[in-house]
Amino acid sequence: MDKDTFGKDDLEGLCDFSLVNLQDQMKHDIWLDLRDENGRPSKGRIRLMLQWIYSKVQYFSEYLARWDETLSKDIEEKE
């Protein structure tokens, strides 16, 4: 929605984003194309930057596992 100078809300467009995409608990930075009320492409895009952490234990475990993998690769390249 967009609010013009007269305080009227105007629909700029619609988009869909499935919360299933957030199951990895990582940060997401994506651009989505907007469409009008009839599903046709609209004149804009919207940027979403979001993260959903539903289990801190699982998040930090996966985060540390990724860092361990990165460190292992760096050590291999160094040797």
N, C-alpha and C. Protein backbone atom coordinates (compact mmCIF):
# COMPACT_ATOMS: atom_id res chain seq x y z
N MET A 1 0.84 -1.17 0.00
CA MET A 1 0.00 0.00 0.00
C MET A 1 0.89 1.24 0.00
N ASP A 2 0.36 2.27 -0.59
CA ASP A 2 1.05 3.55 -0.64
C ASP A 2 0.08 4.62 -0.20
N LYS A 3 0.53 5.53 0.62
CA LYS A 3 -0.32 6.62 1.09
C LYS A 3 0.06 7.88 0.34
N ASP A 4 -0.89 8.48 -0.34
CA ASP A 4 -0.58 9.70 -1.08
C ASP A 4 -0.71 10.93 -0.19
N THR A 5 -0.50 12.11 -0.78
CA THR A 5 -0.50 13.35 0.00
C THR A 5 -1.87 13.66 0.61
N PHE A 6 -2.92 13.05 0.10
CA PHE A 6 -4.26 13.29 0.64
C PHE A 6 -4.64 12.25 1.69
N GLY A 7 -3.70 11.37 2.04
CA GLY A 7 -3.96 10.36 3.05
C GLY A 7 -4.70 9.14 2.55
N LYS A 8 -4.87 9.05 1.23
CA LYS A 8 -5.58 7.92 0.64
C LYS A 8 -4.61 6.77 0.39
N ASP A 9 -5.02 5.55 0.75
CA ASP A 9 -4.20 4.37 0.51
C ASP A 9 -4.42 3.87 -0.91
N ASP A 10 -3.34 3.63 -1.61
CA ASP A 10 -3.40 3.09 -2.97
C ASP A 10 -2.69 1.74 -2.99
N LEU A 11 -3.30 0.76 -3.64
CA LEU A 11 -2.69 -0.55 -3.77
C LEU A 11 -1.61 -0.48 -4.85
N GLU A 12 -0.37 -0.74 -4.46
CA GLU A 12 0.74 -0.75 -5.41
C GLU A 12 0.90 -2.11 -6.06
N GLY A 13 0.54 -3.17 -5.35
CA GLY A 13 0.64 -4.51 -5.91
C GLY A 13 0.62 -5.56 -4.83
N LEU A 14 0.55 -6.81 -5.26
CA LEU A 14 0.50 -7.96 -4.37
C LEU A 14 1.64 -8.91 -4.72
N CYS A 15 2.05 -9.69 -3.75
CA CYS A 15 3.03 -10.75 -4.00
C CYS A 15 2.82 -11.86 -2.98
N ASP A 16 3.37 -13.01 -3.26
CA ASP A 16 3.26 -14.15 -2.36
C ASP A 16 4.65 -14.58 -1.93
N PHE A 17 4.76 -14.99 -0.68
CA PHE A 17 6.00 -15.54 -0.16
C PHE A 17 5.64 -16.63 0.83
N SER A 18 6.13 -17.83 0.60
CA SER A 18 5.81 -18.96 1.46
C SER A 18 6.74 -18.98 2.67
N LEU A 19 6.16 -19.14 3.84
CA LEU A 19 6.95 -19.21 5.06
C LEU A 19 7.81 -20.46 5.13
N VAL A 20 7.54 -21.43 4.27
CA VAL A 20 8.37 -22.63 4.19
C VAL A 20 9.81 -22.23 3.86
N ASN A 21 9.97 -21.13 3.11
CA ASN A 21 11.30 -20.65 2.75
C ASN A 21 12.13 -20.22 3.95
N LEU A 22 11.50 -20.04 5.10
CA LEU A 22 12.21 -19.57 6.28
C LEU A 22 12.59 -20.70 7.23
N GLN A 23 12.32 -21.94 6.86
CA GLN A 23 12.60 -23.07 7.74
C GLN A 23 14.08 -23.22 8.06
N ASP A 24 14.96 -22.72 7.21
CA ASP A 24 16.39 -22.86 7.47
C ASP A 24 16.88 -21.86 8.53
N GLN A 25 16.03 -20.93 8.93
CA GLN A 25 16.29 -19.95 9.97
C GLN A 25 17.40 -18.96 9.61
N MET A 26 17.84 -18.95 8.36
CA MET A 26 18.87 -18.03 7.91
C MET A 26 18.24 -16.71 7.45
N LYS A 27 19.06 -15.69 7.31
CA LYS A 27 18.59 -14.40 6.81
C LYS A 27 18.32 -14.52 5.32
N HIS A 28 17.22 -13.94 4.89
CA HIS A 28 16.85 -13.94 3.47
C HIS A 28 16.72 -12.50 3.00
N ASP A 29 17.26 -12.24 1.83
CA ASP A 29 17.19 -10.93 1.21
C ASP A 29 16.75 -11.17 -0.23
N ILE A 30 15.46 -10.97 -0.51
CA ILE A 30 14.92 -11.30 -1.83
C ILE A 30 14.08 -10.16 -2.38
N TRP A 31 14.00 -10.12 -3.69
CA TRP A 31 13.13 -9.18 -4.40
C TRP A 31 11.98 -9.97 -5.00
N LEU A 32 10.77 -9.47 -4.82
CA LEU A 32 9.58 -10.11 -5.37
C LEU A 32 8.88 -9.15 -6.33
N ASP A 33 8.47 -9.67 -7.47
CA ASP A 33 7.70 -8.87 -8.44
C ASP A 33 6.28 -8.70 -7.92
N LEU A 34 5.76 -7.50 -8.07
CA LEU A 34 4.38 -7.23 -7.67
C LEU A 34 3.44 -7.54 -8.82
N ARG A 35 2.20 -7.88 -8.48
CA ARG A 35 1.17 -8.09 -9.49
C ARG A 35 -0.07 -7.33 -9.05
N ASP A 36 -0.95 -7.06 -9.99
CA ASP A 36 -2.18 -6.34 -9.66
C ASP A 36 -3.22 -7.30 -9.09
N GLU A 37 -4.40 -6.77 -8.80
CA GLU A 37 -5.47 -7.58 -8.18
C GLU A 37 -5.93 -8.74 -9.06
N ASN A 38 -5.66 -8.64 -10.39
CA ASN A 38 -6.07 -9.69 -11.32
C ASN A 38 -4.93 -10.66 -11.62
N GLY A 39 -3.81 -10.51 -10.95
CA GLY A 39 -2.69 -11.41 -11.15
C GLY A 39 -1.74 -11.01 -12.26
N ARG A 40 -1.99 -9.88 -12.90
CA ARG A 40 -1.11 -9.42 -13.98
C ARG A 40 0.08 -8.69 -13.38
N PRO A 41 1.23 -8.74 -14.06
CA PRO A 41 2.41 -8.03 -13.56
C PRO A 41 2.10 -6.56 -13.31
N SER A 42 2.58 -6.07 -12.19
CA SER A 42 2.37 -4.68 -11.81
C SER A 42 3.61 -3.87 -12.14
N LYS A 43 3.63 -2.65 -11.67
CA LYS A 43 4.71 -1.74 -12.03
C LYS A 43 5.89 -1.75 -11.07
N GLY A 44 5.91 -2.63 -10.12
CA GLY A 44 6.98 -2.55 -9.15
C GLY A 44 7.45 -3.87 -8.60
N ARG A 45 8.40 -3.73 -7.69
CA ARG A 45 8.96 -4.88 -6.97
C ARG A 45 9.06 -4.48 -5.50
N ILE A 46 9.20 -5.47 -4.65
CA ILE A 46 9.36 -5.21 -3.23
C ILE A 46 10.52 -6.06 -2.72
N ARG A 47 11.31 -5.46 -1.83
CA ARG A 47 12.44 -6.18 -1.25
C ARG A 47 12.07 -6.64 0.15
N LEU A 48 12.28 -7.93 0.40
CA LEU A 48 12.05 -8.49 1.72
C LEU A 48 13.39 -8.91 2.31
N MET A 49 13.65 -8.44 3.50
CA MET A 49 14.82 -8.89 4.26
C MET A 49 14.26 -9.40 5.58
N LEU A 50 14.29 -10.71 5.76
CA LEU A 50 13.68 -11.27 6.95
C LEU A 50 14.36 -12.55 7.39
N GLN A 51 14.09 -12.88 8.64
CA GLN A 51 14.62 -14.09 9.25
C GLN A 51 13.64 -14.51 10.33
N TRP A 52 13.40 -15.81 10.41
CA TRP A 52 12.52 -16.34 11.45
C TRP A 52 13.30 -17.39 12.22
N ILE A 53 13.56 -17.12 13.48
CA ILE A 53 14.24 -18.08 14.33
C ILE A 53 13.21 -18.66 15.28
N TYR A 54 12.88 -19.92 15.06
CA TYR A 54 11.86 -20.56 15.88
C TYR A 54 12.49 -21.51 16.90
N SER A 55 13.78 -21.82 16.74
CA SER A 55 14.48 -22.67 17.70
C SER A 55 15.92 -22.16 17.79
N LYS A 56 16.25 -21.47 18.87
CA LYS A 56 17.61 -20.94 19.02
C LYS A 56 18.64 -22.06 19.05
N VAL A 57 18.32 -23.17 19.68
CA VAL A 57 19.25 -24.29 19.75
C VAL A 57 19.55 -24.81 18.35
N GLN A 58 18.52 -25.05 17.57
CA GLN A 58 18.72 -25.55 16.21
C GLN A 58 19.43 -24.51 15.36
N TYR A 59 19.07 -23.24 15.48
CA TYR A 59 19.70 -22.17 14.70
C TYR A 59 21.19 -22.11 14.97
N PHE A 60 21.58 -22.06 16.25
CA PHE A 60 23.00 -21.96 16.58
C PHE A 60 23.76 -23.23 16.23
N SER A 61 23.13 -24.38 16.35
CA SER A 61 23.78 -25.63 15.95
C SER A 61 24.09 -25.63 14.45
N GLU A 62 23.12 -25.23 13.64
CA GLU A 62 23.32 -25.17 12.19
C GLU A 62 24.32 -24.09 11.83
N TYR A 63 24.25 -22.96 12.52
CA TYR A 63 25.16 -21.86 12.26
C TYR A 63 26.61 -22.28 12.54
N LEU A 64 26.83 -22.93 13.68
CA LEU A 64 28.17 -23.40 14.03
C LEU A 64 28.65 -24.48 13.06
N ALA A 65 27.75 -25.34 12.62
CA ALA A 65 28.12 -26.37 11.65
C ALA A 65 28.59 -25.74 10.34
N ARG A 66 27.92 -24.69 9.90
CA ARG A 66 28.33 -24.00 8.67
C ARG A 66 29.70 -23.35 8.84
N TRP A 67 29.94 -22.74 10.00
CA TRP A 67 31.24 -22.13 10.26
C TRP A 67 32.33 -23.19 10.32
N ASP A 68 32.06 -24.32 10.95
CA ASP A 68 33.04 -25.41 11.00
C ASP A 68 33.40 -25.88 9.60
N GLU A 69 32.40 -25.99 8.74
CA GLU A 69 32.64 -26.40 7.35
C GLU A 69 33.50 -25.37 6.63
N THR A 70 33.19 -24.10 6.81
CA THR A 70 33.97 -23.03 6.18
C THR A 70 35.41 -23.04 6.68
N LEU A 71 35.59 -23.19 7.98
CA LEU A 71 36.94 -23.23 8.54
C LEU A 71 37.72 -24.43 8.04
N SER A 72 37.08 -25.56 7.95
CA SER A 72 37.75 -26.77 7.44
C SER A 72 38.22 -26.57 6.00
N LYS A 73 37.38 -25.96 5.18
CA LYS A 73 37.75 -25.69 3.78
C LYS A 73 38.92 -24.72 3.72
N ASP A 74 38.89 -23.68 4.55
CA ASP A 74 39.97 -22.70 4.58
C ASP A 74 41.29 -23.35 5.01
N ILE A 75 41.23 -24.23 6.00
CA ILE A 75 42.43 -24.92 6.47
C ILE A 75 42.99 -25.82 5.37
N GLU A 76 42.11 -26.52 4.66
CA GLU A 76 42.55 -27.38 3.56
C GLU A 76 43.22 -26.56 2.47
N GLU A 77 42.64 -25.42 2.11
CA GLU A 77 43.21 -24.57 1.07
C GLU A 77 44.57 -24.01 1.51
N LYS A 78 44.70 -23.69 2.77
CA LYS A 78 45.94 -23.14 3.30
C LYS A 78 47.06 -24.17 3.25
N GLU A 79 46.72 -25.42 3.58
CA GLU A 79 47.72 -26.48 3.58
C GLU A 79 48.06 -26.88 2.16
